[in-house]
Amino acid sequence: MRIRLPFLSAFLLLLLGAAYLGLSSIQVPQVNDKVLHFLTFFLLTTAFYWILDTTRRRVLNVTLLVVTFGLGLGSEALQGLLPNGRQFDPLDIAANVVGSLLALGLCTLYHKRMLDRRRRAKGYSTVPQDGEGDDLELGGQQTGVVGEDARDSSPDGEGRLTPSSGAEEGIEGPK
């Protein structure tokens, strides 16, 4: 697991700015409080998601625990405990969680798409499903060939008419 330093530094700067604005007694005028919470946690989650270079599932789980639940719920609880003139507001928690979940969803979709493009560029592909591609067990031949195609061709170039198959179509076989 590798740590991406540019994303770590961006996350720490965003976290310091959010902590200063959220825990101090400064009031940002003419900006809806819920929009500010939404945007802050959208940016924090986006930056945090790309810090760790590991599997998608692990990054998703760690980001969900640390940012969405840890910071989203913890920041409001801490805000209510400190004597800074701010009150605990459950709607702020909702804005934090919604902003974080939206960023998490967009990041995971992009991450999946990025990994799929990387796999295709290397030549890896998934196993063919439901008739897609060639059957590898038969050396690349298609399976399930029935009807006239199977009856008309043979290795030596002659048709495969038998008395029973010719009788079905009104053709008489050899007598």
N, C-alpha and C. Protein backbone atom coordinates (compact mmCIF):
# COMPACT_ATOMS: atom_id res chain seq x y z
N MET A 1 0.85 -1.17 0.00
CA MET A 1 0.00 0.00 0.00
C MET A 1 0.90 1.23 0.00
N ARG A 2 0.60 2.10 -0.93
CA ARG A 2 1.38 3.32 -1.11
C ARG A 2 0.53 4.52 -0.74
N ILE A 3 1.16 5.58 -0.25
CA ILE A 3 0.46 6.81 0.10
C ILE A 3 0.79 7.86 -0.95
N ARG A 4 -0.24 8.47 -1.48
CA ARG A 4 -0.06 9.53 -2.48
C ARG A 4 0.06 10.86 -1.74
N LEU A 5 1.25 11.42 -1.74
CA LEU A 5 1.54 12.63 -0.96
C LEU A 5 0.78 13.87 -1.41
N PRO A 6 0.56 14.11 -2.70
CA PRO A 6 -0.22 15.30 -3.08
C PRO A 6 -1.64 15.28 -2.52
N PHE A 7 -2.28 14.11 -2.53
CA PHE A 7 -3.63 14.01 -1.99
C PHE A 7 -3.63 14.12 -0.47
N LEU A 8 -2.58 13.59 0.18
CA LEU A 8 -2.47 13.71 1.62
C LEU A 8 -2.32 15.17 2.04
N SER A 9 -1.47 15.90 1.33
CA SER A 9 -1.29 17.32 1.67
C SER A 9 -2.56 18.13 1.39
N ALA A 10 -3.27 17.82 0.30
CA ALA A 10 -4.53 18.52 0.01
C ALA A 10 -5.56 18.21 1.09
N PHE A 11 -5.63 16.96 1.54
CA PHE A 11 -6.57 16.59 2.59
C PHE A 11 -6.25 17.31 3.89
N LEU A 12 -4.98 17.35 4.25
CA LEU A 12 -4.60 18.01 5.51
C LEU A 12 -4.89 19.51 5.46
N LEU A 13 -4.65 20.16 4.32
CA LEU A 13 -4.97 21.59 4.20
C LEU A 13 -6.48 21.82 4.29
N LEU A 14 -7.25 20.98 3.61
CA LEU A 14 -8.71 21.10 3.69
C LEU A 14 -9.21 20.83 5.11
N LEU A 15 -8.61 19.87 5.77
CA LEU A 15 -9.02 19.53 7.13
C LEU A 15 -8.71 20.67 8.10
N LEU A 16 -7.53 21.28 7.95
CA LEU A 16 -7.19 22.43 8.81
C LEU A 16 -8.13 23.60 8.58
N GLY A 17 -8.42 23.89 7.33
CA GLY A 17 -9.35 24.97 7.01
C GLY A 17 -10.75 24.69 7.54
N ALA A 18 -11.22 23.45 7.38
CA ALA A 18 -12.55 23.08 7.87
C ALA A 18 -12.60 23.11 9.39
N ALA A 19 -11.54 22.67 10.04
CA ALA A 19 -11.51 22.69 11.51
C ALA A 19 -11.50 24.12 12.02
N TYR A 20 -10.75 24.98 11.38
CA TYR A 20 -10.71 26.38 11.80
C TYR A 20 -12.07 27.04 11.65
N LEU A 21 -12.71 26.85 10.50
CA LEU A 21 -14.03 27.45 10.27
C LEU A 21 -15.11 26.80 11.13
N GLY A 22 -15.01 25.50 11.35
CA GLY A 22 -16.06 24.80 12.07
C GLY A 22 -15.99 24.91 13.57
N LEU A 23 -14.79 25.02 14.11
CA LEU A 23 -14.66 25.01 15.57
C LEU A 23 -14.42 26.39 16.16
N SER A 24 -14.13 27.38 15.34
CA SER A 24 -13.95 28.73 15.87
C SER A 24 -15.30 29.44 15.92
N SER A 25 -15.28 30.64 16.45
CA SER A 25 -16.54 31.39 16.57
C SER A 25 -16.79 32.26 15.34
N ILE A 26 -16.02 32.08 14.28
CA ILE A 26 -16.20 32.86 13.06
C ILE A 26 -17.47 32.40 12.34
N GLN A 27 -18.26 33.35 11.91
CA GLN A 27 -19.47 33.06 11.15
C GLN A 27 -19.27 33.54 9.71
N VAL A 28 -19.49 32.65 8.75
CA VAL A 28 -19.36 33.01 7.34
C VAL A 28 -20.68 33.64 6.91
N PRO A 29 -20.66 34.94 6.54
CA PRO A 29 -21.93 35.60 6.20
C PRO A 29 -22.41 35.23 4.79
N GLN A 30 -23.71 35.26 4.61
CA GLN A 30 -24.40 35.12 3.33
C GLN A 30 -24.12 33.79 2.63
N VAL A 31 -23.79 32.75 3.39
CA VAL A 31 -23.63 31.42 2.82
C VAL A 31 -24.47 30.47 3.67
N ASN A 32 -25.29 29.68 3.01
CA ASN A 32 -26.11 28.71 3.73
C ASN A 32 -25.19 27.71 4.43
N ASP A 33 -25.42 27.50 5.70
CA ASP A 33 -24.60 26.61 6.52
C ASP A 33 -24.60 25.18 5.99
N LYS A 34 -25.73 24.70 5.53
CA LYS A 34 -25.83 23.32 5.04
C LYS A 34 -25.05 23.13 3.73
N VAL A 35 -25.07 24.13 2.87
CA VAL A 35 -24.30 24.06 1.62
C VAL A 35 -22.81 24.02 1.93
N LEU A 36 -22.40 24.80 2.91
CA LEU A 36 -20.99 24.82 3.31
C LEU A 36 -20.56 23.45 3.86
N HIS A 37 -21.41 22.84 4.68
CA HIS A 37 -21.10 21.50 5.21
C HIS A 37 -21.04 20.49 4.07
N PHE A 38 -22.00 20.54 3.16
CA PHE A 38 -22.02 19.62 2.02
C PHE A 38 -20.74 19.73 1.20
N LEU A 39 -20.38 20.94 0.81
CA LEU A 39 -19.19 21.15 -0.03
C LEU A 39 -17.91 20.76 0.69
N THR A 40 -17.82 21.09 1.98
CA THR A 40 -16.63 20.76 2.75
C THR A 40 -16.41 19.26 2.79
N PHE A 41 -17.46 18.50 3.09
CA PHE A 41 -17.29 17.06 3.19
C PHE A 41 -17.19 16.38 1.83
N PHE A 42 -17.73 16.99 0.80
CA PHE A 42 -17.51 16.49 -0.54
C PHE A 42 -16.02 16.59 -0.89
N LEU A 43 -15.41 17.73 -0.61
CA LEU A 43 -13.99 17.92 -0.91
C LEU A 43 -13.09 17.07 -0.01
N LEU A 44 -13.42 16.99 1.29
CA LEU A 44 -12.62 16.17 2.20
C LEU A 44 -12.65 14.70 1.79
N THR A 45 -13.81 14.19 1.44
CA THR A 45 -13.93 12.79 1.04
C THR A 45 -13.20 12.52 -0.26
N THR A 46 -13.32 13.42 -1.21
CA THR A 46 -12.62 13.25 -2.49
C THR A 46 -11.11 13.20 -2.29
N ALA A 47 -10.59 14.11 -1.49
CA ALA A 47 -9.14 14.13 -1.24
C ALA A 47 -8.70 12.88 -0.48
N PHE A 48 -9.46 12.49 0.53
CA PHE A 48 -9.07 11.33 1.35
C PHE A 48 -9.13 10.03 0.55
N TYR A 49 -10.10 9.89 -0.33
CA TYR A 49 -10.28 8.66 -1.10
C TYR A 49 -9.02 8.32 -1.90
N TRP A 50 -8.36 9.32 -2.43
CA TRP A 50 -7.21 9.08 -3.31
C TRP A 50 -5.87 9.05 -2.58
N ILE A 51 -5.87 9.15 -1.26
CA ILE A 51 -4.61 9.10 -0.51
C ILE A 51 -3.99 7.72 -0.58
N LEU A 52 -4.77 6.68 -0.31
CA LEU A 52 -4.25 5.32 -0.26
C LEU A 52 -4.32 4.66 -1.64
N ASP A 53 -3.22 4.06 -2.02
CA ASP A 53 -3.16 3.33 -3.29
C ASP A 53 -3.28 1.84 -2.97
N THR A 54 -4.50 1.37 -2.86
CA THR A 54 -4.77 -0.02 -2.53
C THR A 54 -6.06 -0.43 -3.24
N THR A 55 -6.65 -1.53 -2.85
CA THR A 55 -7.84 -2.02 -3.53
C THR A 55 -9.02 -1.07 -3.34
N ARG A 56 -9.95 -1.14 -4.30
CA ARG A 56 -11.12 -0.26 -4.24
C ARG A 56 -11.95 -0.50 -2.99
N ARG A 57 -12.14 -1.75 -2.64
CA ARG A 57 -12.95 -2.09 -1.47
C ARG A 57 -12.33 -1.55 -0.19
N ARG A 58 -11.03 -1.69 -0.06
CA ARG A 58 -10.35 -1.21 1.15
C ARG A 58 -10.42 0.31 1.24
N VAL A 59 -10.19 1.00 0.14
CA VAL A 59 -10.26 2.46 0.13
C VAL A 59 -11.68 2.92 0.45
N LEU A 60 -12.67 2.26 -0.11
CA LEU A 60 -14.06 2.60 0.16
C LEU A 60 -14.39 2.46 1.64
N ASN A 61 -14.00 1.33 2.23
CA ASN A 61 -14.30 1.09 3.64
C ASN A 61 -13.58 2.07 4.56
N VAL A 62 -12.30 2.32 4.30
CA VAL A 62 -11.54 3.24 5.15
C VAL A 62 -12.10 4.66 5.04
N THR A 63 -12.41 5.09 3.83
CA THR A 63 -12.96 6.44 3.64
C THR A 63 -14.32 6.57 4.30
N LEU A 64 -15.14 5.54 4.18
CA LEU A 64 -16.45 5.56 4.80
C LEU A 64 -16.34 5.68 6.32
N LEU A 65 -15.42 4.92 6.91
CA LEU A 65 -15.25 4.97 8.36
C LEU A 65 -14.63 6.27 8.84
N VAL A 66 -13.55 6.70 8.19
CA VAL A 66 -12.79 7.85 8.68
C VAL A 66 -13.52 9.16 8.40
N VAL A 67 -13.87 9.39 7.15
CA VAL A 67 -14.42 10.70 6.78
C VAL A 67 -15.92 10.77 7.04
N THR A 68 -16.67 9.83 6.47
CA THR A 68 -18.12 9.93 6.56
C THR A 68 -18.61 9.81 8.00
N PHE A 69 -18.19 8.76 8.68
CA PHE A 69 -18.67 8.57 10.04
C PHE A 69 -17.81 9.27 11.08
N GLY A 70 -16.50 9.12 10.97
CA GLY A 70 -15.61 9.73 11.96
C GLY A 70 -15.66 11.25 11.97
N LEU A 71 -15.35 11.85 10.84
CA LEU A 71 -15.34 13.31 10.77
C LEU A 71 -16.75 13.90 10.66
N GLY A 72 -17.62 13.25 9.91
CA GLY A 72 -18.97 13.78 9.71
C GLY A 72 -19.77 13.84 10.99
N LEU A 73 -19.69 12.80 11.79
CA LEU A 73 -20.41 12.78 13.06
C LEU A 73 -19.58 13.42 14.18
N GLY A 74 -18.29 13.14 14.17
CA GLY A 74 -17.42 13.64 15.25
C GLY A 74 -17.27 15.15 15.27
N SER A 75 -17.26 15.76 14.10
CA SER A 75 -17.09 17.22 14.07
C SER A 75 -18.29 17.93 14.68
N GLU A 76 -19.48 17.42 14.43
CA GLU A 76 -20.67 18.04 15.03
C GLU A 76 -20.75 17.77 16.52
N ALA A 77 -20.36 16.59 16.95
CA ALA A 77 -20.35 16.29 18.39
C ALA A 77 -19.33 17.18 19.10
N LEU A 78 -18.17 17.35 18.51
CA LEU A 78 -17.14 18.21 19.10
C LEU A 78 -17.58 19.67 19.10
N GLN A 79 -18.26 20.07 18.07
CA GLN A 79 -18.77 21.43 17.97
C GLN A 79 -19.78 21.73 19.08
N GLY A 80 -20.58 20.73 19.42
CA GLY A 80 -21.56 20.90 20.50
C GLY A 80 -20.93 20.92 21.88
N LEU A 81 -19.77 20.27 22.04
CA LEU A 81 -19.11 20.21 23.35
C LEU A 81 -18.26 21.44 23.65
N LEU A 82 -17.70 22.07 22.62
CA LEU A 82 -16.82 23.22 22.84
C LEU A 82 -17.64 24.49 23.10
N PRO A 83 -17.12 25.36 23.96
CA PRO A 83 -17.82 26.62 24.24
C PRO A 83 -17.47 27.70 23.21
N ASN A 84 -17.93 27.51 21.99
CA ASN A 84 -17.61 28.47 20.93
C ASN A 84 -18.86 29.15 20.38
N GLY A 85 -19.98 28.99 21.02
CA GLY A 85 -21.21 29.63 20.58
C GLY A 85 -21.94 28.88 19.48
N ARG A 86 -21.48 27.70 19.10
CA ARG A 86 -22.14 26.91 18.06
C ARG A 86 -22.95 25.81 18.72
N GLN A 87 -24.03 25.45 18.08
CA GLN A 87 -24.94 24.44 18.61
C GLN A 87 -24.83 23.16 17.78
N PHE A 88 -25.15 22.04 18.42
CA PHE A 88 -25.24 20.75 17.74
C PHE A 88 -26.46 20.78 16.83
N ASP A 89 -26.29 20.42 15.56
CA ASP A 89 -27.40 20.45 14.60
C ASP A 89 -27.42 19.15 13.81
N PRO A 90 -28.47 18.33 13.97
CA PRO A 90 -28.54 17.08 13.21
C PRO A 90 -28.61 17.29 11.69
N LEU A 91 -29.11 18.43 11.24
CA LEU A 91 -29.15 18.70 9.80
C LEU A 91 -27.75 18.95 9.25
N ASP A 92 -26.85 19.47 10.08
CA ASP A 92 -25.46 19.60 9.65
C ASP A 92 -24.83 18.21 9.44
N ILE A 93 -25.17 17.27 10.32
CA ILE A 93 -24.67 15.90 10.16
C ILE A 93 -25.21 15.32 8.85
N ALA A 94 -26.47 15.56 8.57
CA ALA A 94 -27.06 15.05 7.32
C ALA A 94 -26.36 15.65 6.11
N ALA A 95 -26.06 16.94 6.14
CA ALA A 95 -25.35 17.57 5.02
C ALA A 95 -23.94 17.00 4.89
N ASN A 96 -23.27 16.75 6.03
CA ASN A 96 -21.93 16.14 6.00
C ASN A 96 -21.97 14.76 5.36
N VAL A 97 -22.92 13.95 5.79
CA VAL A 97 -23.00 12.57 5.31
C VAL A 97 -23.40 12.53 3.83
N VAL A 98 -24.35 13.36 3.42
CA VAL A 98 -24.78 13.37 2.01
C VAL A 98 -23.63 13.83 1.11
N GLY A 99 -22.93 14.87 1.50
CA GLY A 99 -21.79 15.34 0.71
C GLY A 99 -20.70 14.29 0.61
N SER A 100 -20.43 13.62 1.73
CA SER A 100 -19.41 12.59 1.75
C SER A 100 -19.81 11.38 0.92
N LEU A 101 -21.06 10.94 1.04
CA LEU A 101 -21.52 9.78 0.27
C LEU A 101 -21.56 10.05 -1.23
N LEU A 102 -21.92 11.26 -1.61
CA LEU A 102 -21.92 11.60 -3.03
C LEU A 102 -20.50 11.57 -3.60
N ALA A 103 -19.57 12.14 -2.87
CA ALA A 103 -18.17 12.12 -3.32
C ALA A 103 -17.64 10.69 -3.36
N LEU A 104 -18.01 9.89 -2.36
CA LEU A 104 -17.56 8.50 -2.31
C LEU A 104 -18.11 7.71 -3.49
N GLY A 105 -19.37 7.92 -3.83
CA GLY A 105 -19.96 7.24 -4.98
C GLY A 105 -19.28 7.62 -6.28
N LEU A 106 -19.05 8.91 -6.48
CA LEU A 106 -18.40 9.37 -7.71
C LEU A 106 -16.96 8.86 -7.80
N CYS A 107 -16.25 8.88 -6.68
CA CYS A 107 -14.86 8.40 -6.69
C CYS A 107 -14.79 6.91 -6.98
N THR A 108 -15.68 6.11 -6.40
CA THR A 108 -15.64 4.66 -6.66
C THR A 108 -16.01 4.34 -8.10
N LEU A 109 -16.98 5.07 -8.66
CA LEU A 109 -17.31 4.86 -10.08
C LEU A 109 -16.12 5.19 -10.98
N TYR A 110 -15.48 6.31 -10.71
CA TYR A 110 -14.33 6.69 -11.51
C TYR A 110 -13.18 5.71 -11.32
N HIS A 111 -12.96 5.26 -10.09
CA HIS A 111 -11.89 4.32 -9.79
C HIS A 111 -12.11 3.00 -10.54
N LYS A 112 -13.35 2.51 -10.54
CA LYS A 112 -13.67 1.28 -11.27
C LYS A 112 -13.42 1.45 -12.76
N ARG A 113 -13.86 2.55 -13.30
CA ARG A 113 -13.66 2.81 -14.73
C ARG A 113 -12.18 2.93 -15.07
N MET A 114 -11.43 3.57 -14.19
CA MET A 114 -9.99 3.72 -14.40
C MET A 114 -9.30 2.36 -14.41
N LEU A 115 -9.67 1.48 -13.48
CA LEU A 115 -9.07 0.15 -13.43
C LEU A 115 -9.46 -0.69 -14.64
N ASP A 116 -10.71 -0.57 -15.10
CA ASP A 116 -11.14 -1.29 -16.31
C ASP A 116 -10.34 -0.84 -17.53
N ARG A 117 -10.14 0.47 -17.67
CA ARG A 117 -9.34 0.97 -18.81
C ARG A 117 -7.91 0.49 -18.72
N ARG A 118 -7.36 0.44 -17.52
CA ARG A 118 -5.98 -0.04 -17.35
C ARG A 118 -5.88 -1.52 -17.72
N ARG A 119 -6.87 -2.33 -17.31
CA ARG A 119 -6.87 -3.76 -17.66
C ARG A 119 -6.97 -3.96 -19.17
N ARG A 120 -7.85 -3.18 -19.82
CA ARG A 120 -7.99 -3.29 -21.28
C ARG A 120 -6.71 -2.88 -22.00
N ALA A 121 -6.03 -1.87 -21.49
CA ALA A 121 -4.79 -1.42 -22.12
C ALA A 121 -3.70 -2.49 -22.02
N LYS A 122 -3.72 -3.28 -20.95
CA LYS A 122 -2.74 -4.34 -20.79
C LYS A 122 -3.13 -5.61 -21.55
N GLY A 123 -4.36 -5.63 -22.05
CA GLY A 123 -4.81 -6.79 -22.81
C GLY A 123 -5.56 -7.80 -21.98
N TYR A 124 -5.83 -7.50 -20.72
CA TYR A 124 -6.62 -8.40 -19.90
C TYR A 124 -8.09 -8.18 -20.19
N SER A 125 -8.85 -9.25 -20.18
CA SER A 125 -10.29 -9.10 -20.34
C SER A 125 -10.97 -10.17 -19.51
N THR A 126 -12.24 -10.01 -19.33
CA THR A 126 -12.99 -10.97 -18.55
C THR A 126 -13.27 -12.20 -19.38
N VAL A 127 -13.68 -13.27 -18.74
CA VAL A 127 -14.02 -14.50 -19.42
C VAL A 127 -15.32 -14.28 -20.17
N PRO A 128 -15.41 -14.69 -21.44
CA PRO A 128 -16.64 -14.48 -22.20
C PRO A 128 -17.83 -15.15 -21.53
N GLN A 129 -18.97 -14.50 -21.57
CA GLN A 129 -20.19 -15.01 -20.96
C GLN A 129 -21.28 -15.13 -22.02
N ASP A 130 -22.11 -16.14 -21.91
CA ASP A 130 -23.32 -16.29 -22.72
C ASP A 130 -23.10 -16.08 -24.21
N GLY A 131 -22.21 -16.85 -24.81
CA GLY A 131 -22.04 -16.80 -26.25
C GLY A 131 -21.13 -15.70 -26.75
N GLU A 132 -20.52 -14.93 -25.85
CA GLU A 132 -19.58 -13.89 -26.30
C GLU A 132 -18.25 -14.55 -26.63
N GLY A 133 -17.66 -14.23 -27.72
CA GLY A 133 -16.32 -14.69 -28.05
C GLY A 133 -16.28 -16.15 -28.46
N ASP A 134 -15.08 -16.70 -28.53
CA ASP A 134 -14.87 -18.06 -28.97
C ASP A 134 -14.79 -19.00 -27.78
N ASP A 135 -15.08 -20.26 -28.04
CA ASP A 135 -14.98 -21.28 -27.01
C ASP A 135 -13.52 -21.73 -26.95
N LEU A 136 -12.86 -21.48 -25.84
CA LEU A 136 -11.43 -21.78 -25.73
C LEU A 136 -11.16 -23.27 -25.66
N GLU A 137 -12.10 -24.07 -25.16
CA GLU A 137 -11.88 -25.50 -25.06
C GLU A 137 -11.87 -26.18 -26.41
N LEU A 138 -12.51 -25.58 -27.39
CA LEU A 138 -12.56 -26.17 -28.73
C LEU A 138 -11.57 -25.49 -29.67
N GLY A 139 -10.59 -24.82 -29.14
CA GLY A 139 -9.58 -24.20 -29.97
C GLY A 139 -10.08 -22.99 -30.72
N GLY A 140 -11.03 -22.26 -30.15
CA GLY A 140 -11.52 -21.05 -30.78
C GLY A 140 -12.72 -21.25 -31.67
N GLN A 141 -13.25 -22.49 -31.78
CA GLN A 141 -14.41 -22.74 -32.62
C GLN A 141 -15.67 -22.36 -31.88
N GLN A 142 -16.66 -21.92 -32.60
CA GLN A 142 -17.95 -21.62 -32.01
C GLN A 142 -18.66 -22.93 -31.69
N THR A 143 -19.43 -22.94 -30.61
CA THR A 143 -20.17 -24.14 -30.25
C THR A 143 -21.63 -23.97 -30.61
N GLY A 144 -22.33 -25.06 -30.54
CA GLY A 144 -23.78 -25.00 -30.73
C GLY A 144 -24.20 -24.87 -32.18
N VAL A 145 -23.39 -25.30 -33.14
CA VAL A 145 -23.76 -25.21 -34.55
C VAL A 145 -24.66 -26.39 -34.85
N VAL A 146 -25.90 -26.10 -35.19
CA VAL A 146 -26.86 -27.15 -35.50
C VAL A 146 -27.59 -26.80 -36.78
N GLY A 147 -28.35 -27.76 -37.27
CA GLY A 147 -29.17 -27.48 -38.44
C GLY A 147 -28.40 -27.73 -39.72
N GLU A 148 -28.68 -26.92 -40.75
CA GLU A 148 -28.12 -27.13 -42.08
C GLU A 148 -26.61 -26.95 -42.09
N ASP A 149 -26.08 -26.03 -41.27
CA ASP A 149 -24.63 -25.80 -41.28
C ASP A 149 -23.88 -27.05 -40.84
N ALA A 150 -24.38 -27.74 -39.85
CA ALA A 150 -23.70 -28.93 -39.36
C ALA A 150 -23.85 -30.08 -40.33
N ARG A 151 -24.98 -30.15 -41.04
CA ARG A 151 -25.25 -31.26 -41.93
C ARG A 151 -24.53 -31.09 -43.26
N ASP A 152 -24.35 -29.86 -43.72
CA ASP A 152 -23.82 -29.62 -45.06
C ASP A 152 -22.31 -29.70 -45.15
N SER A 153 -21.61 -29.61 -44.03
CA SER A 153 -20.16 -29.59 -44.13
C SER A 153 -19.57 -30.83 -43.48
N SER A 154 -18.52 -31.31 -44.10
CA SER A 154 -17.77 -32.43 -43.53
C SER A 154 -16.31 -32.18 -43.81
N PRO A 155 -15.43 -32.88 -43.12
CA PRO A 155 -14.00 -32.64 -43.34
C PRO A 155 -13.54 -32.92 -44.76
N ASP A 156 -14.16 -33.86 -45.45
CA ASP A 156 -13.71 -34.18 -46.80
C ASP A 156 -14.49 -33.41 -47.87
N GLY A 157 -15.36 -32.48 -47.48
CA GLY A 157 -16.04 -31.63 -48.43
C GLY A 157 -17.36 -32.16 -48.92
N GLU A 158 -17.76 -33.36 -48.52
CA GLU A 158 -19.03 -33.91 -48.97
C GLU A 158 -20.10 -33.65 -47.93
N GLY A 159 -21.34 -33.59 -48.37
CA GLY A 159 -22.45 -33.36 -47.45
C GLY A 159 -22.66 -34.54 -46.54
N ARG A 160 -23.31 -34.32 -45.44
CA ARG A 160 -23.54 -35.38 -44.46
C ARG A 160 -25.00 -35.83 -44.48
N LEU A 161 -25.57 -35.99 -45.62
CA LEU A 161 -26.96 -36.45 -45.68
C LEU A 161 -27.02 -37.94 -45.37
N THR A 162 -27.92 -38.25 -44.48
CA THR A 162 -28.17 -39.65 -44.17
C THR A 162 -29.58 -39.96 -44.61
N PRO A 163 -29.94 -41.21 -44.72
CA PRO A 163 -31.30 -41.53 -45.14
C PRO A 163 -32.34 -40.89 -44.22
N SER A 164 -32.10 -40.83 -42.93
CA SER A 164 -33.11 -40.27 -42.03
C SER A 164 -33.19 -38.75 -42.16
N SER A 165 -32.06 -38.06 -42.33
CA SER A 165 -32.11 -36.60 -42.43
C SER A 165 -32.64 -36.15 -43.79
N GLY A 166 -32.36 -36.92 -44.86
CA GLY A 166 -32.87 -36.57 -46.17
C GLY A 166 -34.36 -36.83 -46.29
N ALA A 167 -34.85 -37.83 -45.57
CA ALA A 167 -36.26 -38.16 -45.63
C ALA A 167 -37.11 -37.07 -45.01
N GLU A 168 -36.55 -36.35 -44.02
CA GLU A 168 -37.31 -35.29 -43.38
C GLU A 168 -37.61 -34.17 -44.36
N GLU A 169 -36.71 -33.92 -45.30
CA GLU A 169 -36.89 -32.83 -46.23
C GLU A 169 -37.42 -33.29 -47.59
N GLY A 170 -37.74 -34.56 -47.71
CA GLY A 170 -38.27 -35.07 -48.97
C GLY A 170 -37.18 -35.48 -49.93
N ILE A 171 -35.96 -35.62 -49.48
CA ILE A 171 -34.85 -36.05 -50.32
C ILE A 171 -34.59 -37.52 -49.99
N GLU A 172 -34.46 -38.27 -51.04
CA GLU A 172 -34.20 -39.69 -50.81
C GLU A 172 -32.73 -39.93 -50.68
N GLY A 173 -32.37 -40.78 -49.77
CA GLY A 173 -30.98 -41.15 -49.58
C GLY A 173 -30.58 -42.25 -50.52
N PRO A 174 -29.36 -42.76 -50.44
CA PRO A 174 -28.93 -43.86 -51.30
C PRO A 174 -29.71 -45.13 -51.06
N LYS A 175 -30.01 -45.88 -52.12
CA LYS A 175 -30.77 -47.14 -51.98
C LYS A 175 -29.94 -48.32 -52.25
